[in-house]
Every structure is written in C-alpha cells, then in structure tokens.
Amino acid sequence: MLNPVDLLAIAAHPDDVELTCGGTLIKMARAGYRTAILDLTAGETGTRGSRQLRAQEAATAAKTLGVAERANAGLPDAHLHNTDTTRRTVVQWIRHFHPSTVILPFPVGRHPDHIAASELSRDACYLAGLKNYDADGDPYRPEKILYALAYREDPVKPSFVVDISAEFDTKMTAIRCYASQFEGAKAAGEIFPTGQNLYELVRIHSAHYGSLIRAAYGEPFMTPETVRVDDVVKMGVQSM
C-alpha cells in the first residue's frame, strides 16, 4: 500500500545525508512530516568500515533522525553513473516513496559519486512522472527539488538556510553513529581537512551558515527556482 513521505533525501552513501541535511530532516520530522532517506550505495568501497558495519550504523542513525523509512538502492559504490539502468532503479524508489520534496547533493563536488548521485536522481525525479516510462510503480513526479549546499567552497549563495539550532545536538548524535567512518577523522567527502577533528568541522560549518540567518546553527540549500515570499513584513533575518 502506498504510504507517501513529505520529504525524501537522496545521497550517494550512508552518512552523506547526516552530514549535509540531517538537521533539516530532524526538524521536519519533529514538525509532523513523514521523512525518508534513500542511500544509492552501501559505501562498500570506503577505506574505513565494511558494508555490514555501515548498514548497522545507517540504521541506528535513521532512528536518531526520526525518519519513517531508510532504503538502499544497491548501486555500486565508487562506480555510480547516470545510465538507463540506474535511472530506472531510482525511478522505482521515487515512485515507492512518492515524496513531495526531494533533497539532492549539489551537482558539483570532490567525490565523483556525489556528482553522479545528483544528476542521476534529478533525472529520475523527472522520468518518474512519465506514464509510459518502463519502471515499477505508478507515475509520480515530486513537486520540489532542493540541493544541499553544506561544505561548498565555490561562491554559491544559498537560496535559503534552515535554522537547526534546536536540532544540532541530535544531528551530531546521528553523525557520531558512524564511528567506523568519523572517529579520529579530519576530513570526509566534501569536507576538507584543516587539522581539526571532523565533528568540530561540522560544527564550524553549521555555525557559519547559522550566522547568515542570525541563528546559532543552520543548513544551506539552493533551488534553481526563485523562492516565493507572500509577506514581506514578516520576513526573517535582521538587515541592520
């Protein structure tokens, strides 16, 4: 039976979502929305840990995030490509989750899988709505696609930042579930090393984006569409 979610985060590897938009998933779940995660690979070629251990860590983190469901598409780690076969796989998952909004990785990155995951998932979101597209599930196309901007070094200004001040400690708890990946680490994915431990780097980046909206911690997003505002009197973020 179809049990749609309001928000679906898609990423290349277990732990990507926690790092980039975990606070937003927690915030939306606490607000009463149904949230979910689709990891495209099991992260099996990573230098640390193993497929089995990462799966256990992902399951524990999912409980911390409060998501209704976490699934793995079973695509090959470090060999992720946007092909007809992989698009069909992701289309089936999008039709399964039936999400209103989808969060994707930013389409530029250091890890090739992150780039592929963004392009592949964006294409699948469109194809999922085609009635005659040959994939399991009923045709369905998400309404909104958001790109997670956390840890970007290029000059991309966020379309908006989500205040995760109240969710930040829980976000860090979810990240710490991946002890095989992050204990003692000084870099990960799009997070470049500065000599500090990874947990402190996450805090610094989150504090930076929070400062942009006059909050303690934030997560940045970009949407190609112009953001609509209906009440300019009640817009947040102090100007002076």
C-alpha atoms as a PDB file:
ATOM      1  CA  MET A   1       0.000   0.000   0.000  1.00  0.00           C
ATOM      2  CA  LEU A   2       1.274   3.459  -0.919  1.00  0.00           C
ATOM      3  CA  ASN A   3       2.419   5.409   2.141  1.00  0.00           C
ATOM      4  CA  PRO A   4       3.907   8.623   0.761  1.00  0.00           C
ATOM      5  CA  VAL A   5       6.522  10.737   2.507  1.00  0.00           C
ATOM      6  CA  ASP A   6       6.656  14.518   2.572  1.00  0.00           C
ATOM      7  CA  LEU A   7      10.444  14.804   2.341  1.00  0.00           C
ATOM      8  CA  LEU A   8      12.952  12.394   0.786  1.00  0.00           C
ATOM      9  CA  ALA A   9      16.718  12.898   0.984  1.00  0.00           C
ATOM     10  CA  ILE A  10      18.758  11.022  -1.643  1.00  0.00           C
ATOM     11  CA  ALA A  11      22.522  10.639  -1.337  1.00  0.00           C
ATOM     12  CA  ALA A  12      25.345   8.509  -2.667  1.00  0.00           C
ATOM     13  CA  HIS A  13      26.489   6.930   0.606  1.00  0.00           C
ATOM     14  CA  PRO A  14      25.249   6.185   4.122  1.00  0.00           C
ATOM     15  CA  ASP A  15      26.303   9.190   6.275  1.00  0.00           C
ATOM     16  CA  ASP A  16      26.059  11.773   3.433  1.00  0.00           C
ATOM     17  CA  VAL A  17      22.554  12.809   4.459  1.00  0.00           C
ATOM     18  CA  GLU A  18      23.509  13.130   8.121  1.00  0.00           C
ATOM     19  CA  LEU A  19      26.368  15.464   7.236  1.00  0.00           C
ATOM     20  CA  THR A  20      24.527  17.678   4.738  1.00  0.00           C
ATOM     21  CA  CYS A  21      20.885  17.888   5.781  1.00  0.00           C
ATOM     22  CA  GLY A  22      20.419  15.773   8.900  1.00  0.00           C
ATOM     23  CA  GLY A  23      19.256  18.726  10.971  1.00  0.00           C
ATOM     24  CA  THR A  24      16.583  19.601   8.428  1.00  0.00           C
ATOM     25  CA  LEU A  25      15.268  16.019   8.411  1.00  0.00           C
ATOM     26  CA  ILE A  26      15.068  16.078  12.208  1.00  0.00           C
ATOM     27  CA  LYS A  27      13.289  19.454  12.173  1.00  0.00           C
ATOM     28  CA  MET A  28      10.728  18.321   9.603  1.00  0.00           C
ATOM     29  CA  ALA A  29      10.071  15.029  11.423  1.00  0.00           C
ATOM     30  CA  ARG A  30       9.519  16.914  14.678  1.00  0.00           C
ATOM     31  CA  ALA A  31       7.084  19.179  12.813  1.00  0.00           C
ATOM     32  CA  GLY A  32       4.979  16.136  11.962  1.00  0.00           C
ATOM     33  CA  TYR A  33       6.118  15.457   8.391  1.00  0.00           C
ATOM     34  CA  ARG A  34       6.965  11.966   7.146  1.00  0.00           C
ATOM     35  CA  THR A  35      10.617  11.876   6.113  1.00  0.00           C
ATOM     36  CA  ALA A  36      12.773   9.233   4.430  1.00  0.00           C
ATOM     37  CA  ILE A  37      16.281   8.556   3.129  1.00  0.00           C
ATOM     38  CA  LEU A  38      17.441   6.730   0.008  1.00  0.00           C
ATOM     39  CA  ASP A  39      21.138   5.805   0.034  1.00  0.00           C
ATOM     40  CA  LEU A  40      22.156   4.894  -3.505  1.00  0.00           C
ATOM     41  CA  THR A  41      25.108   2.707  -2.462  1.00  0.00           C
ATOM     42  CA  ALA A  42      26.255   0.855   0.649  1.00  0.00           C
ATOM     43  CA  GLY A  43      29.596   2.687   0.746  1.00  0.00           C
ATOM     44  CA  GLU A  44      31.287  -0.685   0.354  1.00  0.00           C
ATOM     45  CA  THR A  45      34.497   0.615  -1.242  1.00  0.00           C
ATOM     46  CA  GLY A  46      35.227   3.107   1.529  1.00  0.00           C
ATOM     47  CA  THR A  47      38.610   2.935   3.196  1.00  0.00           C
ATOM     48  CA  ARG A  48      37.060   2.511   6.643  1.00  0.00           C
ATOM     49  CA  GLY A  49      34.492   0.040   7.923  1.00  0.00           C
ATOM     50  CA  SER A  50      32.598  -2.561   5.891  1.00  0.00           C
ATOM     51  CA  ARG A  51      29.284  -2.918   4.093  1.00  0.00           C
ATOM     52  CA  GLN A  52      27.731  -4.710   7.065  1.00  0.00           C
ATOM     53  CA  LEU A  53      29.008  -2.255   9.670  1.00  0.00           C
ATOM     54  CA  ARG A  54      27.931   0.778   7.666  1.00  0.00           C
ATOM     55  CA  ALA A  55      24.450  -0.712   7.254  1.00  0.00           C
ATOM     56  CA  GLN A  56      24.188  -1.109  11.025  1.00  0.00           C
ATOM     57  CA  GLU A  57      25.393   2.450  11.579  1.00  0.00           C
ATOM     58  CA  ALA A  58      22.917   3.786   8.995  1.00  0.00           C
ATOM     59  CA  ALA A  59      20.019   2.010  10.703  1.00  0.00           C
ATOM     60  CA  THR A  60      20.968   3.461  14.088  1.00  0.00           C
ATOM     61  CA  ALA A  61      21.360   6.939  12.610  1.00  0.00           C
ATOM     62  CA  ALA A  62      17.958   6.679  10.913  1.00  0.00           C
ATOM     63  CA  LYS A  63      16.302   6.128  14.301  1.00  0.00           C
ATOM     64  CA  THR A  64      18.089   9.184  15.645  1.00  0.00           C
ATOM     65  CA  LEU A  65      16.900  11.282  12.692  1.00  0.00           C
ATOM     66  CA  GLY A  66      13.329  10.080  13.155  1.00  0.00           C
ATOM     67  CA  VAL A  67      12.821   9.089   9.520  1.00  0.00           C
ATOM     68  CA  ALA A  68       9.869   6.890   8.617  1.00  0.00           C
ATOM     69  CA  GLU A  69      11.949   4.739   6.274  1.00  0.00           C
ATOM     70  CA  ARG A  70      15.533   4.350   5.097  1.00  0.00           C
ATOM     71  CA  ALA A  71      16.290   2.314   1.973  1.00  0.00           C
ATOM     72  CA  ASN A  72      19.358   1.398  -0.065  1.00  0.00           C
ATOM     73  CA  ALA A  73      19.200   1.242  -3.853  1.00  0.00           C
ATOM     74  CA  GLY A  74      22.099  -1.249  -4.034  1.00  0.00           C
ATOM     75  CA  LEU A  75      24.027   0.623  -6.736  1.00  0.00           C
ATOM     76  CA  PRO A  76      27.830   0.144  -6.891  1.00  0.00           C
ATOM     77  CA  ASP A  77      29.904   2.424  -4.664  1.00  0.00           C
ATOM     78  CA  ALA A  78      32.680   4.328  -6.479  1.00  0.00           C
ATOM     79  CA  HIS A  79      31.133   3.176  -9.776  1.00  0.00           C
ATOM     80  CA  LEU A  80      27.990   5.285  -9.661  1.00  0.00           C
ATOM     81  CA  HIS A  81      26.887   6.541 -13.076  1.00  0.00           C
ATOM     82  CA  ASN A  82      23.813   8.097 -14.650  1.00  0.00           C
ATOM     83  CA  THR A  83      22.692   5.341 -17.009  1.00  0.00           C
ATOM     84  CA  ASP A  84      19.369   3.978 -18.214  1.00  0.00           C
ATOM     85  CA  THR A  85      19.701   1.089 -15.757  1.00  0.00           C
ATOM     86  CA  THR A  86      20.491   3.221 -12.716  1.00  0.00           C
ATOM     87  CA  ARG A  87      17.801   5.770 -13.611  1.00  0.00           C
ATOM     88  CA  ARG A  88      15.208   3.001 -13.746  1.00  0.00           C
ATOM     89  CA  THR A  89      16.270   1.824 -10.285  1.00  0.00           C
ATOM     90  CA  VAL A  90      15.936   5.296  -8.766  1.00  0.00           C
ATOM     91  CA  VAL A  91      12.652   5.945 -10.581  1.00  0.00           C
ATOM     92  CA  GLN A  92      11.192   2.881  -8.878  1.00  0.00           C
ATOM     93  CA  TRP A  93      12.257   4.178  -5.481  1.00  0.00           C
ATOM     94  CA  ILE A  94      10.837   7.642  -6.140  1.00  0.00           C
ATOM     95  CA  ARG A  95       7.531   6.070  -7.126  1.00  0.00           C
ATOM     96  CA  HIS A  96       7.711   3.997  -3.940  1.00  0.00           C
ATOM     97  CA  PHE A  97       8.316   6.975  -1.644  1.00  0.00           C
ATOM     98  CA  HIS A  98       6.019   9.386  -3.545  1.00  0.00           C
ATOM     99  CA  PRO A  99       7.752  12.427  -1.969  1.00  0.00           C
ATOM    100  CA  SER A 100       6.520  15.992  -2.235  1.00  0.00           C
ATOM    101  CA  THR A 101      10.026  17.431  -1.785  1.00  0.00           C
ATOM    102  CA  VAL A 102      13.388  15.811  -2.559  1.00  0.00           C
ATOM    103  CA  ILE A 103      16.803  16.884  -1.247  1.00  0.00           C
ATOM    104  CA  LEU A 104      19.745  16.049  -3.531  1.00  0.00           C
ATOM    105  CA  PRO A 105      23.516  16.522  -3.332  1.00  0.00           C
ATOM    106  CA  PHE A 106      24.872  19.639  -5.025  1.00  0.00           C
ATOM    107  CA  PRO A 107      25.809  18.756  -8.641  1.00  0.00           C
ATOM    108  CA  VAL A 108      29.447  19.854  -8.188  1.00  0.00           C
ATOM    109  CA  GLY A 109      31.743  18.082  -5.751  1.00  0.00           C
ATOM    110  CA  ARG A 110      35.025  16.407  -4.928  1.00  0.00           C
ATOM    111  CA  HIS A 111      33.658  12.853  -4.815  1.00  0.00           C
ATOM    112  CA  PRO A 112      32.565  11.558  -8.260  1.00  0.00           C
ATOM    113  CA  ASP A 113      29.707   9.611  -6.655  1.00  0.00           C
ATOM    114  CA  HIS A 114      28.231  12.826  -5.253  1.00  0.00           C
ATOM    115  CA  ILE A 115      28.167  14.396  -8.712  1.00  0.00           C
ATOM    116  CA  ALA A 116      26.649  11.286 -10.274  1.00  0.00           C
ATOM    117  CA  ALA A 117      24.076  10.949  -7.488  1.00  0.00           C
ATOM    118  CA  SER A 118      22.860  14.491  -8.082  1.00  0.00           C
ATOM    119  CA  GLU A 119      22.478  14.184 -11.845  1.00  0.00           C
ATOM    120  CA  LEU A 120      21.071  10.653 -11.693  1.00  0.00           C
ATOM    121  CA  SER A 121      18.492  11.479  -9.040  1.00  0.00           C
ATOM    122  CA  ARG A 122      17.417  14.735 -10.690  1.00  0.00           C
ATOM    123  CA  ASP A 123      16.795  12.891 -13.980  1.00  0.00           C
ATOM    124  CA  ALA A 124      14.955  10.096 -12.166  1.00  0.00           C
ATOM    125  CA  CYS A 125      12.650  12.617 -10.460  1.00  0.00           C
ATOM    126  CA  TYR A 126      11.535  13.799 -13.898  1.00  0.00           C
ATOM    127  CA  LEU A 127      11.305  10.378 -15.528  1.00  0.00           C
ATOM    128  CA  ALA A 128       9.276   9.008 -12.618  1.00  0.00           C
ATOM    129  CA  GLY A 129       6.376  11.165 -13.785  1.00  0.00           C
ATOM    130  CA  LEU A 130       6.223   9.742 -17.297  1.00  0.00           C
ATOM    131  CA  LYS A 131       3.227   7.454 -17.704  1.00  0.00           C
ATOM    132  CA  ASN A 132       4.919   5.220 -20.261  1.00  0.00           C
ATOM    133  CA  TYR A 133       8.345   5.029 -18.582  1.00  0.00           C
ATOM    134  CA  ASP A 134       9.187   1.348 -18.102  1.00  0.00           C
ATOM    135  CA  ALA A 135       9.675   1.015 -14.339  1.00  0.00           C
ATOM    136  CA  ASP A 136       7.706  -0.419 -11.445  1.00  0.00           C
ATOM    137  CA  GLY A 137       5.217   1.806  -9.679  1.00  0.00           C
ATOM    138  CA  ASP A 138       2.617   4.358 -10.678  1.00  0.00           C
ATOM    139  CA  PRO A 139       3.803   7.534 -12.441  1.00  0.00           C
ATOM    140  CA  TYR A 140       4.665  10.285  -9.974  1.00  0.00           C
ATOM    141  CA  ARG A 141       6.852  13.404 -10.083  1.00  0.00           C
ATOM    142  CA  PRO A 142       7.986  15.298  -6.949  1.00  0.00           C
ATOM    143  CA  GLU A 143       6.910  18.920  -6.677  1.00  0.00           C
ATOM    144  CA  LYS A 144      10.183  20.435  -5.456  1.00  0.00           C
ATOM    145  CA  ILE A 145      13.892  19.585  -5.673  1.00  0.00           C
ATOM    146  CA  LEU A 146      16.355  21.160  -3.239  1.00  0.00           C
ATOM    147  CA  TYR A 147      20.142  20.921  -3.386  1.00  0.00           C
ATOM    148  CA  ALA A 148      22.113  20.666  -0.138  1.00  0.00           C
ATOM    149  CA  LEU A 149      24.937  23.247  -0.141  1.00  0.00           C
ATOM    150  CA  ALA A 150      26.760  22.349   3.084  1.00  0.00           C
ATOM    151  CA  TYR A 151      30.591  22.496   2.920  1.00  0.00           C
ATOM    152  CA  ARG A 152      30.658  24.190  -0.507  1.00  0.00           C
ATOM    153  CA  GLU A 153      33.807  26.170  -1.241  1.00  0.00           C
ATOM    154  CA  ASP A 154      32.609  27.709  -4.506  1.00  0.00           C
ATOM    155  CA  PRO A 155      30.746  31.050  -4.315  1.00  0.00           C
ATOM    156  CA  VAL A 156      27.203  29.662  -4.392  1.00  0.00           C
ATOM    157  CA  LYS A 157      24.847  31.761  -2.314  1.00  0.00           C
ATOM    158  CA  PRO A 158      22.154  29.697  -0.585  1.00  0.00           C
ATOM    159  CA  SER A 159      18.586  30.277  -1.699  1.00  0.00           C
ATOM    160  CA  PHE A 160      17.707  29.821   1.966  1.00  0.00           C
ATOM    161  CA  VAL A 161      19.110  28.434   5.232  1.00  0.00           C
ATOM    162  CA  VAL A 162      17.182  26.237   7.666  1.00  0.00           C
ATOM    163  CA  ASP A 163      17.646  27.106  11.341  1.00  0.00           C
ATOM    164  CA  ILE A 164      18.756  23.855  13.001  1.00  0.00           C
ATOM    165  CA  SER A 165      19.837  25.358  16.318  1.00  0.00           C
ATOM    166  CA  ALA A 166      17.367  23.216  18.278  1.00  0.00           C
ATOM    167  CA  GLU A 167      18.235  20.140  16.200  1.00  0.00           C
ATOM    168  CA  PHE A 168      22.012  20.497  16.093  1.00  0.00           C
ATOM    169  CA  ASP A 169      22.875  18.235  19.037  1.00  0.00           C
ATOM    170  CA  THR A 170      20.669  15.470  17.625  1.00  0.00           C
ATOM    171  CA  LYS A 171      22.273  15.939  14.200  1.00  0.00           C
ATOM    172  CA  MET A 172      25.680  15.408  15.811  1.00  0.00           C
ATOM    173  CA  THR A 173      24.409  12.307  17.606  1.00  0.00           C
ATOM    174  CA  ALA A 174      23.338  10.905  14.234  1.00  0.00           C
ATOM    175  CA  ILE A 175      26.727  11.698  12.699  1.00  0.00           C
ATOM    176  CA  ARG A 176      28.501  10.031  15.618  1.00  0.00           C
ATOM    177  CA  CYS A 177      26.605   6.822  14.826  1.00  0.00           C
ATOM    178  CA  TYR A 178      29.185   6.367  12.036  1.00  0.00           C
ATOM    179  CA  ALA A 179      32.102   5.707  14.333  1.00  0.00           C
ATOM    180  CA  SER A 180      33.774   3.494  11.710  1.00  0.00           C
ATOM    181  CA  GLN A 181      33.931   6.488   9.372  1.00  0.00           C
ATOM    182  CA  PHE A 182      34.422   9.515  11.585  1.00  0.00           C
ATOM    183  CA  GLU A 183      36.169   8.665  14.865  1.00  0.00           C
ATOM    184  CA  GLY A 184      39.593  10.269  14.545  1.00  0.00           C
ATOM    185  CA  ALA A 185      38.817  11.562  11.047  1.00  0.00           C
ATOM    186  CA  LYS A 186      39.825  15.059   9.939  1.00  0.00           C
ATOM    187  CA  ALA A 187      38.021  15.077   6.573  1.00  0.00           C
ATOM    188  CA  ALA A 188      35.145  13.341   4.794  1.00  0.00           C
ATOM    189  CA  GLY A 189      33.543  13.649   1.370  1.00  0.00           C
ATOM    190  CA  GLU A 190      33.261  17.362   0.625  1.00  0.00           C
ATOM    191  CA  ILE A 191      34.759  18.382   3.986  1.00  0.00           C
ATOM    192  CA  PHE A 192      38.414  19.281   3.511  1.00  0.00           C
ATOM    193  CA  PRO A 193      40.909  18.876   6.385  1.00  0.00           C
ATOM    194  CA  THR A 194      42.028  21.842   8.479  1.00  0.00           C
ATOM    195  CA  GLY A 195      43.754  19.912  11.251  1.00  0.00           C
ATOM    196  CA  GLN A 196      40.637  19.853  13.454  1.00  0.00           C
ATOM    197  CA  ASN A 197      38.564  16.738  14.014  1.00  0.00           C
ATOM    198  CA  LEU A 198      35.596  16.166  11.742  1.00  0.00           C
ATOM    199  CA  TYR A 199      32.967  16.801  14.402  1.00  0.00           C
ATOM    200  CA  GLU A 200      34.408  20.260  15.058  1.00  0.00           C
ATOM    201  CA  LEU A 201      34.464  20.961  11.318  1.00  0.00           C
ATOM    202  CA  VAL A 202      30.770  20.117  11.067  1.00  0.00           C
ATOM    203  CA  ARG A 203      30.058  22.471  13.975  1.00  0.00           C
ATOM    204  CA  ILE A 204      32.067  25.306  12.414  1.00  0.00           C
ATOM    205  CA  HIS A 205      30.339  24.992   9.041  1.00  0.00           C
ATOM    206  CA  SER A 206      26.899  24.777  10.673  1.00  0.00           C
ATOM    207  CA  ALA A 207      27.681  27.841  12.796  1.00  0.00           C
ATOM    208  CA  HIS A 208      28.756  29.780   9.706  1.00  0.00           C
ATOM    209  CA  TYR A 209      25.521  29.082   7.869  1.00  0.00           C
ATOM    210  CA  GLY A 210      23.549  29.778  11.017  1.00  0.00           C
ATOM    211  CA  SER A 211      25.179  33.180  11.277  1.00  0.00           C
ATOM    212  CA  LEU A 212      23.830  34.080   7.837  1.00  0.00           C
ATOM    213  CA  ILE A 213      20.285  33.930   9.253  1.00  0.00           C
ATOM    214  CA  ARG A 214      21.262  35.244  12.718  1.00  0.00           C
ATOM    215  CA  ALA A 215      20.938  31.806  14.305  1.00  0.00           C
ATOM    216  CA  ALA A 216      23.354  29.510  16.120  1.00  0.00           C
ATOM    217  CA  TYR A 217      23.384  26.724  13.504  1.00  0.00           C
ATOM    218  CA  GLY A 218      21.991  26.316  10.006  1.00  0.00           C
ATOM    219  CA  GLU A 219      21.912  24.125   6.906  1.00  0.00           C
ATOM    220  CA  PRO A 220      22.033  25.811   3.481  1.00  0.00           C
ATOM    221  CA  PHE A 221      20.043  24.889   0.387  1.00  0.00           C
ATOM    222  CA  MET A 222      19.751  26.021  -3.208  1.00  0.00           C
ATOM    223  CA  THR A 223      16.778  25.811  -5.519  1.00  0.00           C
ATOM    224  CA  PRO A 224      17.002  26.906  -9.169  1.00  0.00           C
ATOM    225  CA  GLU A 225      13.509  28.393  -8.901  1.00  0.00           C
ATOM    226  CA  THR A 226      13.051  31.815  -7.336  1.00  0.00           C
ATOM    227  CA  VAL A 227      11.778  31.495  -3.771  1.00  0.00           C
ATOM    228  CA  ARG A 228       8.292  32.979  -3.341  1.00  0.00           C
ATOM    229  CA  VAL A 229       7.541  35.314  -0.432  1.00  0.00           C
ATOM    230  CA  ASP A 230       3.957  36.381   0.309  1.00  0.00           C
ATOM    231  CA  ASP A 231       4.506  38.562   3.375  1.00  0.00           C
ATOM    232  CA  VAL A 232       7.448  40.987   3.170  1.00  0.00           C
ATOM    233  CA  VAL A 233       6.585  42.462   6.571  1.00  0.00           C
ATOM    234  CA  LYS A 234       7.274  39.195   8.389  1.00  0.00           C
ATOM    235  CA  MET A 235      10.429  38.146   6.536  1.00  0.00           C
ATOM    236  CA  GLY A 236      13.131  36.866   8.861  1.00  0.00           C
ATOM    237  CA  VAL A 237      16.839  37.793   9.171  1.00  0.00           C
ATOM    238  CA  GLN A 238      17.702  41.245  10.518  1.00  0.00           C
ATOM    239  CA  SER A 239      19.205  43.636   7.957  1.00  0.00           C
ATOM    240  CA  MET A 240      20.760  46.213  10.304  1.00  0.00           C
END
